[in-house]
C-alpha atoms as a PDB file:
ATOM      1  CA  UNK A   1       0.000   0.000   0.000  1.00  0.00           C
ATOM      2  CA  UNK A   2       2.792   2.420   0.955  1.00  0.00           C
ATOM      3  CA  UNK A   3       4.601   1.672  -2.333  1.00  0.00           C
ATOM      4  CA  UNK A   4       1.413   2.384  -4.288  1.00  0.00           C
ATOM      5  CA  UNK A   5       1.005   5.722  -2.482  1.00  0.00           C
ATOM      6  CA  UNK A   6       4.622   6.669  -3.261  1.00  0.00           C
ATOM      7  CA  UNK A   7       4.156   5.796  -6.944  1.00  0.00           C
ATOM      8  CA  UNK A   8       1.074   7.996  -7.044  1.00  0.00           C
ATOM      9  CA  UNK A   9       2.968  10.827  -5.339  1.00  0.00           C
ATOM     10  CA  UNK A  10       5.736  10.471  -7.958  1.00  0.00           C
ATOM     11  CA  UNK A  11       3.278  11.470 -10.665  1.00  0.00           C
ATOM     12  CA  UNK A  12       1.398  14.098  -8.664  1.00  0.00           C
ATOM     13  CA  UNK A  13       4.319  15.965  -7.094  1.00  0.00           C
ATOM     14  CA  UNK A  14       7.213  15.193  -9.460  1.00  0.00           C
ATOM     15  CA  UNK A  15       9.292  13.188  -6.985  1.00  0.00           C
ATOM     16  CA  UNK A  16      12.757  12.364  -8.301  1.00  0.00           C
ATOM     17  CA  UNK A  17      14.057   8.848  -7.579  1.00  0.00           C
ATOM     18  CA  UNK A  18      17.672   7.973  -6.696  1.00  0.00           C
ATOM     19  CA  UNK A  19      18.656  11.621  -6.912  1.00  0.00           C
ATOM     20  CA  UNK A  20      22.262  12.697  -6.266  1.00  0.00           C
ATOM     21  CA  UNK A  21      22.498  15.111  -3.337  1.00  0.00           C
ATOM     22  CA  UNK A  22      26.111  16.284  -3.733  1.00  0.00           C
ATOM     23  CA  UNK A  23      25.262  19.267  -5.995  1.00  0.00           C
ATOM     24  CA  UNK A  24      22.912  20.654  -3.336  1.00  0.00           C
ATOM     25  CA  UNK A  25      25.490  20.675  -0.544  1.00  0.00           C
ATOM     26  CA  UNK A  26      28.154  23.296   0.131  1.00  0.00           C
ATOM     27  CA  UNK A  27      30.809  20.546   0.381  1.00  0.00           C
ATOM     28  CA  UNK A  28      29.702  19.139  -3.014  1.00  0.00           C
ATOM     29  CA  UNK A  29      29.792  15.587  -1.695  1.00  0.00           C
ATOM     30  CA  UNK A  30      27.221  12.983  -0.674  1.00  0.00           C
ATOM     31  CA  UNK A  31      25.216  10.070  -2.036  1.00  0.00           C
ATOM     32  CA  UNK A  32      21.710   9.578  -3.376  1.00  0.00           C
ATOM     33  CA  UNK A  33      18.298  10.273  -1.908  1.00  0.00           C
ATOM     34  CA  UNK A  34      15.781   7.481  -2.426  1.00  0.00           C
ATOM     35  CA  UNK A  35      13.285  10.195  -3.279  1.00  0.00           C
ATOM     36  CA  UNK A  36      13.839  13.931  -3.691  1.00  0.00           C
ATOM     37  CA  UNK A  37      11.105  16.566  -3.573  1.00  0.00           C
ATOM     38  CA  UNK A  38      11.214  20.336  -4.065  1.00  0.00           C
ATOM     39  CA  UNK A  39       7.875  21.938  -3.100  1.00  0.00           C
ATOM     40  CA  UNK A  40       6.541  24.761  -5.228  1.00  0.00           C
ATOM     41  CA  UNK A  41       5.270  26.578  -2.145  1.00  0.00           C
ATOM     42  CA  UNK A  42       4.100  26.070   1.416  1.00  0.00           C
ATOM     43  CA  UNK A  43       0.602  25.050   0.370  1.00  0.00           C
ATOM     44  CA  UNK A  44       1.850  22.306  -1.955  1.00  0.00           C
ATOM     45  CA  UNK A  45       4.196  21.044   0.754  1.00  0.00           C
ATOM     46  CA  UNK A  46       1.254  20.698   3.121  1.00  0.00           C
ATOM     47  CA  UNK A  47      -0.647  18.611   0.580  1.00  0.00           C
ATOM     48  CA  UNK A  48       2.413  16.465  -0.096  1.00  0.00           C
ATOM     49  CA  UNK A  49       2.934  15.671   3.587  1.00  0.00           C
ATOM     50  CA  UNK A  50      -0.760  14.934   4.063  1.00  0.00           C
ATOM     51  CA  UNK A  51      -0.496  12.177   1.455  1.00  0.00           C
ATOM     52  CA  UNK A  52       2.927  10.803   2.412  1.00  0.00           C
ATOM     53  CA  UNK A  53       2.832   7.381   4.130  1.00  0.00           C
ATOM     54  CA  UNK A  54       3.334   7.648   7.890  1.00  0.00           C
ATOM     55  CA  UNK A  55       6.233   5.199   7.812  1.00  0.00           C
ATOM     56  CA  UNK A  56       8.198   7.119   5.172  1.00  0.00           C
ATOM     57  CA  UNK A  57      11.413   8.636   6.637  1.00  0.00           C
ATOM     58  CA  UNK A  58      11.710  12.388   5.987  1.00  0.00           C
ATOM     59  CA  UNK A  59      14.849  14.525   5.861  1.00  0.00           C
ATOM     60  CA  UNK A  60      14.646  18.294   5.321  1.00  0.00           C
ATOM     61  CA  UNK A  61      17.444  20.185   3.589  1.00  0.00           C
ATOM     62  CA  UNK A  62      17.832  23.921   3.198  1.00  0.00           C
ATOM     63  CA  UNK A  63      21.080  25.147   1.694  1.00  0.00           C
ATOM     64  CA  UNK A  64      22.829  22.080   3.183  1.00  0.00           C
ATOM     65  CA  UNK A  65      25.683  24.288   4.373  1.00  0.00           C
ATOM     66  CA  UNK A  66      26.105  22.631   7.755  1.00  0.00           C
ATOM     67  CA  UNK A  67      25.510  18.990   6.850  1.00  0.00           C
ATOM     68  CA  UNK A  68      27.681  16.091   5.749  1.00  0.00           C
ATOM     69  CA  UNK A  69      25.722  13.578   3.693  1.00  0.00           C
ATOM     70  CA  UNK A  70      27.366  10.182   3.718  1.00  0.00           C
ATOM     71  CA  UNK A  71      28.316   8.378   0.514  1.00  0.00           C
ATOM     72  CA  UNK A  72      25.541   5.799   0.933  1.00  0.00           C
ATOM     73  CA  UNK A  73      22.916   8.529   0.711  1.00  0.00           C
ATOM     74  CA  UNK A  74      19.666   9.077   2.570  1.00  0.00           C
ATOM     75  CA  UNK A  75      16.800   6.609   2.823  1.00  0.00           C
ATOM     76  CA  UNK A  76      13.235   7.799   2.386  1.00  0.00           C
ATOM     77  CA  UNK A  77      12.282  11.244   1.091  1.00  0.00           C
ATOM     78  CA  UNK A  78      14.450  14.367   1.138  1.00  0.00           C
ATOM     79  CA  UNK A  79      12.504  17.636   1.083  1.00  0.00           C
ATOM     80  CA  UNK A  80      14.655  20.444  -0.333  1.00  0.00           C
ATOM     81  CA  UNK A  81      13.321  23.926   0.438  1.00  0.00           C
ATOM     82  CA  UNK A  82      16.071  26.384  -0.499  1.00  0.00           C
ATOM     83  CA  UNK A  83      14.592  28.942  -2.866  1.00  0.00           C
ATOM     84  CA  UNK A  84      11.230  27.164  -2.748  1.00  0.00           C
ATOM     85  CA  UNK A  85       9.667  28.354   0.497  1.00  0.00           C
ATOM     86  CA  UNK A  86      10.874  31.755  -0.527  1.00  0.00           C
ATOM     87  CA  UNK A  87       8.401  34.457   0.525  1.00  0.00           C
ATOM     88  CA  UNK A  88       9.184  37.506   2.654  1.00  0.00           C
ATOM     89  CA  UNK A  89       6.252  39.589   3.861  1.00  0.00           C
ATOM     90  CA  UNK A  90       6.506  43.025   5.449  1.00  0.00           C
ATOM     91  CA  UNK A  91       4.271  43.264   8.499  1.00  0.00           C
ATOM     92  CA  UNK A  92       3.502  46.053  10.947  1.00  0.00           C
ATOM     93  CA  UNK A  93       5.724  44.550  13.646  1.00  0.00           C
ATOM     94  CA  UNK A  94       8.461  42.972  11.509  1.00  0.00           C
ATOM     95  CA  UNK A  95       9.061  40.450   8.743  1.00  0.00           C
ATOM     96  CA  UNK A  96       7.418  37.094   8.038  1.00  0.00           C
ATOM     97  CA  UNK A  97      10.137  34.989   6.387  1.00  0.00           C
ATOM     98  CA  UNK A  98       9.695  31.503   4.955  1.00  0.00           C
ATOM     99  CA  UNK A  99      12.311  28.884   5.760  1.00  0.00           C
ATOM    100  CA  UNK A 100      13.761  28.557   2.252  1.00  0.00           C
ATOM    101  CA  UNK A 101      14.794  32.220   2.078  1.00  0.00           C
ATOM    102  CA  UNK A 102      18.576  32.591   2.088  1.00  0.00           C
ATOM    103  CA  UNK A 103      20.197  34.674   4.805  1.00  0.00           C
ATOM    104  CA  UNK A 104      21.708  36.847   2.075  1.00  0.00           C
ATOM    105  CA  UNK A 105      18.289  37.619   0.592  1.00  0.00           C
ATOM    106  CA  UNK A 106      16.874  38.461   4.004  1.00  0.00           C
ATOM    107  CA  UNK A 107      19.758  40.874   4.636  1.00  0.00           C
ATOM    108  CA  UNK A 108      19.052  42.622   1.316  1.00  0.00           C
ATOM    109  CA  UNK A 109      15.316  42.825   1.957  1.00  0.00           C
ATOM    110  CA  UNK A 110      15.856  44.173   5.454  1.00  0.00           C
ATOM    111  CA  UNK A 111      18.326  46.758   4.142  1.00  0.00           C
ATOM    112  CA  UNK A 112      15.740  48.062   1.674  1.00  0.00           C
ATOM    113  CA  UNK A 113      13.348  48.496   4.600  1.00  0.00           C
ATOM    114  CA  UNK A 114      16.064  50.189   6.721  1.00  0.00           C
ATOM    115  CA  UNK A 115      16.142  47.244   9.105  1.00  0.00           C
ATOM    116  CA  UNK A 116      19.470  46.056  10.487  1.00  0.00           C
ATOM    117  CA  UNK A 117      19.997  42.329   9.848  1.00  0.00           C
ATOM    118  CA  UNK A 118      23.651  42.914   8.930  1.00  0.00           C
ATOM    119  CA  UNK A 119      25.015  40.238  11.288  1.00  0.00           C
ATOM    120  CA  UNK A 120      23.545  37.604   8.949  1.00  0.00           C
ATOM    121  CA  UNK A 121      25.605  38.890   6.012  1.00  0.00           C
ATOM    122  CA  UNK A 122      27.830  36.140   4.684  1.00  0.00           C
ATOM    123  CA  UNK A 123      26.066  33.307   6.518  1.00  0.00           C
ATOM    124  CA  UNK A 124      25.436  30.909   3.620  1.00  0.00           C
ATOM    125  CA  UNK A 125      22.378  29.014   4.858  1.00  0.00           C
ATOM    126  CA  UNK A 126      18.615  29.508   4.831  1.00  0.00           C
ATOM    127  CA  UNK A 127      16.364  30.938   7.508  1.00  0.00           C
ATOM    128  CA  UNK A 128      15.059  27.468   8.373  1.00  0.00           C
ATOM    129  CA  UNK A 129      18.576  26.276   9.117  1.00  0.00           C
ATOM    130  CA  UNK A 130      19.423  29.514  10.910  1.00  0.00           C
ATOM    131  CA  UNK A 131      16.405  29.046  13.200  1.00  0.00           C
ATOM    132  CA  UNK A 132      17.239  25.393  13.852  1.00  0.00           C
ATOM    133  CA  UNK A 133      20.839  26.064  14.898  1.00  0.00           C
ATOM    134  CA  UNK A 134      20.505  29.627  16.230  1.00  0.00           C
ATOM    135  CA  UNK A 135      22.906  30.926  13.612  1.00  0.00           C
ATOM    136  CA  UNK A 136      24.756  34.127  14.234  1.00  0.00           C
ATOM    137  CA  UNK A 137      27.969  36.096  13.994  1.00  0.00           C
ATOM    138  CA  UNK A 138      29.617  39.276  15.202  1.00  0.00           C
ATOM    139  CA  UNK A 139      27.985  39.173  18.624  1.00  0.00           C
ATOM    140  CA  UNK A 140      24.404  38.528  17.542  1.00  0.00           C
ATOM    141  CA  UNK A 141      22.187  35.489  16.859  1.00  0.00           C
ATOM    142  CA  UNK A 142      18.913  35.086  15.006  1.00  0.00           C
ATOM    143  CA  UNK A 143      16.884  34.081  18.057  1.00  0.00           C
ATOM    144  CA  UNK A 144      17.521  37.557  19.496  1.00  0.00           C
ATOM    145  CA  UNK A 145      15.127  38.696  16.764  1.00  0.00           C
ATOM    146  CA  UNK A 146      12.485  35.953  16.750  1.00  0.00           C
ATOM    147  CA  UNK A 147       8.986  37.020  17.805  1.00  0.00           C
ATOM    148  CA  UNK A 148       7.276  33.778  16.757  1.00  0.00           C
ATOM    149  CA  UNK A 149       7.717  30.832  14.414  1.00  0.00           C
ATOM    150  CA  UNK A 150       5.448  28.647  12.351  1.00  0.00           C
ATOM    151  CA  UNK A 151       6.212  24.943  12.578  1.00  0.00           C
ATOM    152  CA  UNK A 152       4.917  22.152  10.361  1.00  0.00           C
ATOM    153  CA  UNK A 153       4.509  18.538  11.427  1.00  0.00           C
ATOM    154  CA  UNK A 154       4.761  15.486   9.191  1.00  0.00           C
ATOM    155  CA  UNK A 155       1.009  15.613   8.518  1.00  0.00           C
ATOM    156  CA  UNK A 156       1.304  19.085   6.966  1.00  0.00           C
ATOM    157  CA  UNK A 157      -0.307  20.880   9.900  1.00  0.00           C
ATOM    158  CA  UNK A 158       1.068  24.346  10.709  1.00  0.00           C
ATOM    159  CA  UNK A 159       1.095  25.854  14.179  1.00  0.00           C
ATOM    160  CA  UNK A 160       2.115  29.362  15.199  1.00  0.00           C
ATOM    161  CA  UNK A 161       4.254  29.328  18.332  1.00  0.00           C
ATOM    162  CA  UNK A 162       5.728  32.258  20.298  1.00  0.00           C
ATOM    163  CA  UNK A 163       9.473  32.532  20.723  1.00  0.00           C
ATOM    164  CA  UNK A 164       9.011  31.844  24.452  1.00  0.00           C
ATOM    165  CA  UNK A 165       8.112  28.221  23.656  1.00  0.00           C
ATOM    166  CA  UNK A 166      11.745  27.587  22.667  1.00  0.00           C
ATOM    167  CA  UNK A 167      15.070  27.664  24.481  1.00  0.00           C
ATOM    168  CA  UNK A 168      17.855  28.930  22.215  1.00  0.00           C
ATOM    169  CA  UNK A 169      21.485  28.477  23.156  1.00  0.00           C
ATOM    170  CA  UNK A 170      24.817  28.331  21.370  1.00  0.00           C
ATOM    171  CA  UNK A 171      24.200  26.686  17.981  1.00  0.00           C
ATOM    172  CA  UNK A 172      21.081  24.844  19.080  1.00  0.00           C
ATOM    173  CA  UNK A 173      17.424  25.418  19.943  1.00  0.00           C
ATOM    174  CA  UNK A 174      15.362  23.217  22.254  1.00  0.00           C
ATOM    175  CA  UNK A 175      11.596  22.916  22.052  1.00  0.00           C
ATOM    176  CA  UNK A 176      11.065  21.460  18.575  1.00  0.00           C
ATOM    177  CA  UNK A 177      10.193  17.774  18.448  1.00  0.00           C
ATOM    178  CA  UNK A 178      11.708  15.416  15.882  1.00  0.00           C
ATOM    179  CA  UNK A 179       8.548  15.414  13.741  1.00  0.00           C
ATOM    180  CA  UNK A 180       8.271  19.207  13.451  1.00  0.00           C
ATOM    181  CA  UNK A 181      10.177  21.648  11.261  1.00  0.00           C
ATOM    182  CA  UNK A 182      10.484  25.420  11.145  1.00  0.00           C
ATOM    183  CA  UNK A 183       8.736  26.727   8.026  1.00  0.00           C
ATOM    184  CA  UNK A 184       8.362  30.447   8.865  1.00  0.00           C
ATOM    185  CA  UNK A 185      10.095  32.902  11.141  1.00  0.00           C
ATOM    186  CA  UNK A 186       8.453  36.102  12.390  1.00  0.00           C
ATOM    187  CA  UNK A 187      11.453  38.382  12.889  1.00  0.00           C
ATOM    188  CA  UNK A 188      11.961  41.878  14.234  1.00  0.00           C
ATOM    189  CA  UNK A 189      15.038  43.981  13.541  1.00  0.00           C
ATOM    190  CA  UNK A 190      16.087  47.441  14.702  1.00  0.00           C
ATOM    191  CA  UNK A 191      15.428  50.364  12.376  1.00  0.00           C
ATOM    192  CA  UNK A 192      18.616  52.169  11.317  1.00  0.00           C
ATOM    193  CA  UNK A 193      19.802  54.575   8.660  1.00  0.00           C
ATOM    194  CA  UNK A 194      20.432  52.832   5.358  1.00  0.00           C
ATOM    195  CA  UNK A 195      24.042  54.007   5.082  1.00  0.00           C
ATOM    196  CA  UNK A 196      24.822  52.741   8.577  1.00  0.00           C
ATOM    197  CA  UNK A 197      23.493  49.262   7.733  1.00  0.00           C
ATOM    198  CA  UNK A 198      25.358  49.204   4.412  1.00  0.00           C
ATOM    199  CA  UNK A 199      28.629  49.990   6.170  1.00  0.00           C
ATOM    200  CA  UNK A 200      28.082  47.204   8.709  1.00  0.00           C
ATOM    201  CA  UNK A 201      27.354  44.710   5.920  1.00  0.00           C
ATOM    202  CA  UNK A 202      30.490  45.821   4.091  1.00  0.00           C
ATOM    203  CA  UNK A 203      32.647  45.412   7.213  1.00  0.00           C
ATOM    204  CA  UNK A 204      31.252  41.983   8.082  1.00  0.00           C
ATOM    205  CA  UNK A 205      31.691  40.620   4.560  1.00  0.00           C
ATOM    206  CA  UNK A 206      35.248  41.972   4.448  1.00  0.00           C
ATOM    207  CA  UNK A 207      36.102  40.199   7.720  1.00  0.00           C
ATOM    208  CA  UNK A 208      34.727  36.922   6.339  1.00  0.00           C
ATOM    209  CA  UNK A 209      36.714  37.206   3.107  1.00  0.00           C
ATOM    210  CA  UNK A 210      39.891  37.922   5.079  1.00  0.00           C
ATOM    211  CA  UNK A 211      39.563  34.997   7.482  1.00  0.00           C
ATOM    212  CA  UNK A 212      37.657  32.261   5.664  1.00  0.00           C
ATOM    213  CA  UNK A 213      38.582  30.069   2.648  1.00  0.00           C
ATOM    214  CA  UNK A 214      35.502  31.067   0.662  1.00  0.00           C
ATOM    215  CA  UNK A 215      36.859  29.961  -2.714  1.00  0.00           C
ATOM    216  CA  UNK A 216      36.827  26.249  -1.843  1.00  0.00           C
ATOM    217  CA  UNK A 217      33.900  23.975  -0.925  1.00  0.00           C
ATOM    218  CA  UNK A 218      33.346  23.841   2.833  1.00  0.00           C
ATOM    219  CA  UNK A 219      30.536  23.784   5.384  1.00  0.00           C
ATOM    220  CA  UNK A 220      31.781  26.812   7.268  1.00  0.00           C
ATOM    221  CA  UNK A 221      32.824  26.127  10.849  1.00  0.00           C
ATOM    222  CA  UNK A 222      32.969  22.382  11.461  1.00  0.00           C
ATOM    223  CA  UNK A 223      33.143  22.558  15.274  1.00  0.00           C
ATOM    224  CA  UNK A 224      31.484  24.644  17.945  1.00  0.00           C
ATOM    225  CA  UNK A 225      33.736  26.958  19.908  1.00  0.00           C
ATOM    226  CA  UNK A 226      34.374  25.608  23.424  1.00  0.00           C
ATOM    227  CA  UNK A 227      33.548  27.871  26.350  1.00  0.00           C
ATOM    228  CA  UNK A 228      36.024  30.765  26.516  1.00  0.00           C
ATOM    229  CA  UNK A 229      38.107  29.380  23.644  1.00  0.00           C
ATOM    230  CA  UNK A 230      38.108  28.891  19.871  1.00  0.00           C
ATOM    231  CA  UNK A 231      38.031  25.618  17.977  1.00  0.00           C
ATOM    232  CA  UNK A 232      40.318  27.070  15.289  1.00  0.00           C
ATOM    233  CA  UNK A 233      42.984  27.938  17.865  1.00  0.00           C
ATOM    234  CA  UNK A 234      42.894  24.453  19.379  1.00  0.00           C
ATOM    235  CA  UNK A 235      43.106  22.781  15.962  1.00  0.00           C
ATOM    236  CA  UNK A 236      46.009  24.968  14.906  1.00  0.00           C
ATOM    237  CA  UNK A 237      47.762  24.386  18.226  1.00  0.00           C
ATOM    238  CA  UNK A 238      47.485  20.641  17.593  1.00  0.00           C
ATOM    239  CA  UNK A 239      49.441  21.155  14.359  1.00  0.00           C
ATOM    240  CA  UNK A 240      46.570  20.136  12.103  1.00  0.00           C
ATOM    241  CA  UNK A 241      46.450  22.954   9.548  1.00  0.00           C
ATOM    242  CA  UNK A 242      46.935  21.360   6.142  1.00  0.00           C
ATOM    243  CA  UNK A 243      46.208  17.834   7.424  1.00  0.00           C
ATOM    244  CA  UNK A 244      44.686  15.733   4.628  1.00  0.00           C
ATOM    245  CA  UNK A 245      42.748  12.511   4.341  1.00  0.00           C
ATOM    246  CA  UNK A 246      41.897  11.622   0.761  1.00  0.00           C
ATOM    247  CA  UNK A 247      40.595  14.723  -0.990  1.00  0.00           C
ATOM    248  CA  UNK A 248      39.832  16.583   2.251  1.00  0.00           C
ATOM    249  CA  UNK A 249      42.027  19.119   4.035  1.00  0.00           C
ATOM    250  CA  UNK A 250      42.026  21.198   7.200  1.00  0.00           C
ATOM    251  CA  UNK A 251      42.212  24.697   5.746  1.00  0.00           C
ATOM    252  CA  UNK A 252      45.528  26.518   5.936  1.00  0.00           C
ATOM    253  CA  UNK A 253      43.589  29.803   6.126  1.00  0.00           C
ATOM    254  CA  UNK A 254      41.158  28.937   8.946  1.00  0.00           C
ATOM    255  CA  UNK A 255      41.657  25.763  10.959  1.00  0.00           C
ATOM    256  CA  UNK A 256      37.955  25.307  11.783  1.00  0.00           C
ATOM    257  CA  UNK A 257      37.182  24.896   8.090  1.00  0.00           C
ATOM    258  CA  UNK A 258      37.671  21.519   6.409  1.00  0.00           C
ATOM    259  CA  UNK A 259      37.620  21.859   2.647  1.00  0.00           C
ATOM    260  CA  UNK A 260      36.915  19.600  -0.284  1.00  0.00           C
ATOM    261  CA  UNK A 261      40.337  19.992  -1.822  1.00  0.00           C
ATOM    262  CA  UNK A 262      40.145  17.432  -4.594  1.00  0.00           C
ATOM    263  CA  UNK A 263      37.100  15.227  -5.352  1.00  0.00           C
ATOM    264  CA  UNK A 264      36.646  14.309  -1.702  1.00  0.00           C
ATOM    265  CA  UNK A 265      34.491  11.468  -0.433  1.00  0.00           C
ATOM    266  CA  UNK A 266      32.164  11.839   2.532  1.00  0.00           C
ATOM    267  CA  UNK A 267      33.880   8.933   4.297  1.00  0.00           C
ATOM    268  CA  UNK A 268      37.198  10.803   4.124  1.00  0.00           C
ATOM    269  CA  UNK A 269      35.551  13.998   5.403  1.00  0.00           C
ATOM    270  CA  UNK A 270      34.050  12.125   8.346  1.00  0.00           C
ATOM    271  CA  UNK A 271      37.394  10.424   9.023  1.00  0.00           C
ATOM    272  CA  UNK A 272      39.191  13.775   9.087  1.00  0.00           C
ATOM    273  CA  UNK A 273      36.577  15.240  11.438  1.00  0.00           C
ATOM    274  CA  UNK A 274      37.082  12.308  13.815  1.00  0.00           C
ATOM    275  CA  UNK A 275      40.883  12.584  13.514  1.00  0.00           C
ATOM    276  CA  UNK A 276      40.815  16.301  14.363  1.00  0.00           C
ATOM    277  CA  UNK A 277      38.624  15.631  17.396  1.00  0.00           C
ATOM    278  CA  UNK A 278      40.958  12.902  18.642  1.00  0.00           C
ATOM    279  CA  UNK A 279      44.139  14.941  18.166  1.00  0.00           C
ATOM    280  CA  UNK A 280      42.732  18.081  19.796  1.00  0.00           C
ATOM    281  CA  UNK A 281      41.530  16.070  22.803  1.00  0.00           C
ATOM    282  CA  UNK A 282      44.931  14.391  23.049  1.00  0.00           C
ATOM    283  CA  UNK A 283      46.738  17.734  22.891  1.00  0.00           C
ATOM    284  CA  UNK A 284      44.469  19.944  25.012  1.00  0.00           C
ATOM    285  CA  UNK A 285      42.089  17.633  26.843  1.00  0.00           C
ATOM    286  CA  UNK A 286      39.150  19.413  25.197  1.00  0.00           C
ATOM    287  CA  UNK A 287      36.619  17.386  23.236  1.00  0.00           C
ATOM    288  CA  UNK A 288      35.374  19.375  20.284  1.00  0.00           C
ATOM    289  CA  UNK A 289      31.669  19.150  19.428  1.00  0.00           C
ATOM    290  CA  UNK A 290      30.833  19.106  15.713  1.00  0.00           C
ATOM    291  CA  UNK A 291      28.581  21.894  14.507  1.00  0.00           C
ATOM    292  CA  UNK A 292      28.018  20.025  11.244  1.00  0.00           C
ATOM    293  CA  UNK A 293      25.211  17.436  11.163  1.00  0.00           C
ATOM    294  CA  UNK A 294      26.077  14.034   9.676  1.00  0.00           C
ATOM    295  CA  UNK A 295      23.217  12.459   7.705  1.00  0.00           C
ATOM    296  CA  UNK A 296      22.621   9.227   5.832  1.00  0.00           C
ATOM    297  CA  UNK A 297      24.394   5.907   5.525  1.00  0.00           C
ATOM    298  CA  UNK A 298      27.863   4.708   4.656  1.00  0.00           C
ATOM    299  CA  UNK A 299      28.493   2.600   1.555  1.00  0.00           C
ATOM    300  CA  UNK A 300      28.750  -1.046   2.435  1.00  0.00           C
END
């Protein structure tokens, strides 16, 4: 019965079968999704989920900038929302932003409305991912600006929840169950003069270009910063800059970036992540916590 439903959904919603995920990730690596679906809009996504078999595994991807998808791929259905759930609405008390909107687009939209979202400049992900991991930079985080969120469950039902229902902390947010996903953020930013915001954006982007290896595929920061310290400093102190496994490399420019140097495999990327963790703990006694989420299965 479930197979019949999936075959019917293939025709109705243009599901792609055995679809390569590597092109959708910032690392440009990863295996196949059993099924791959890009919703046209929020309404279509609701209908899709309402018809999806209850037993079907679901994985959501935004810009896939902080995920490592293993070479064996992802079982079930991958829902890819970057650029799909893409509406921004101006409201009296702020902005209503769908989860597939890129951080860069939100920064531009806010600038045009003289709203200061400059701290998000250069963050490569989507608003859905930013909400899920409390993304931020330069002394600010997105949950400082959340008034409410809209969450969707696996049956396509949407519920509006106030920010107080969630507990944000460093690179994580508690309060969302495993069968709910952020689909909209209601955000409020400070009004500022346009020139002031432009200058802040310019400064933040310049700092990123100076410090980060933006010309090579990466996921941004691989590890969370330990309390009162920096993962990059600990990795560099352990002598790991330039360390390679297969086609992966700890960046010479910023030690908390691991780059796809030359046709890397996910298994090599995961091996290098584990190696860095082991060497840093051996050197400093500090166990680094990955910021990147590892998804899918290894090749057998």
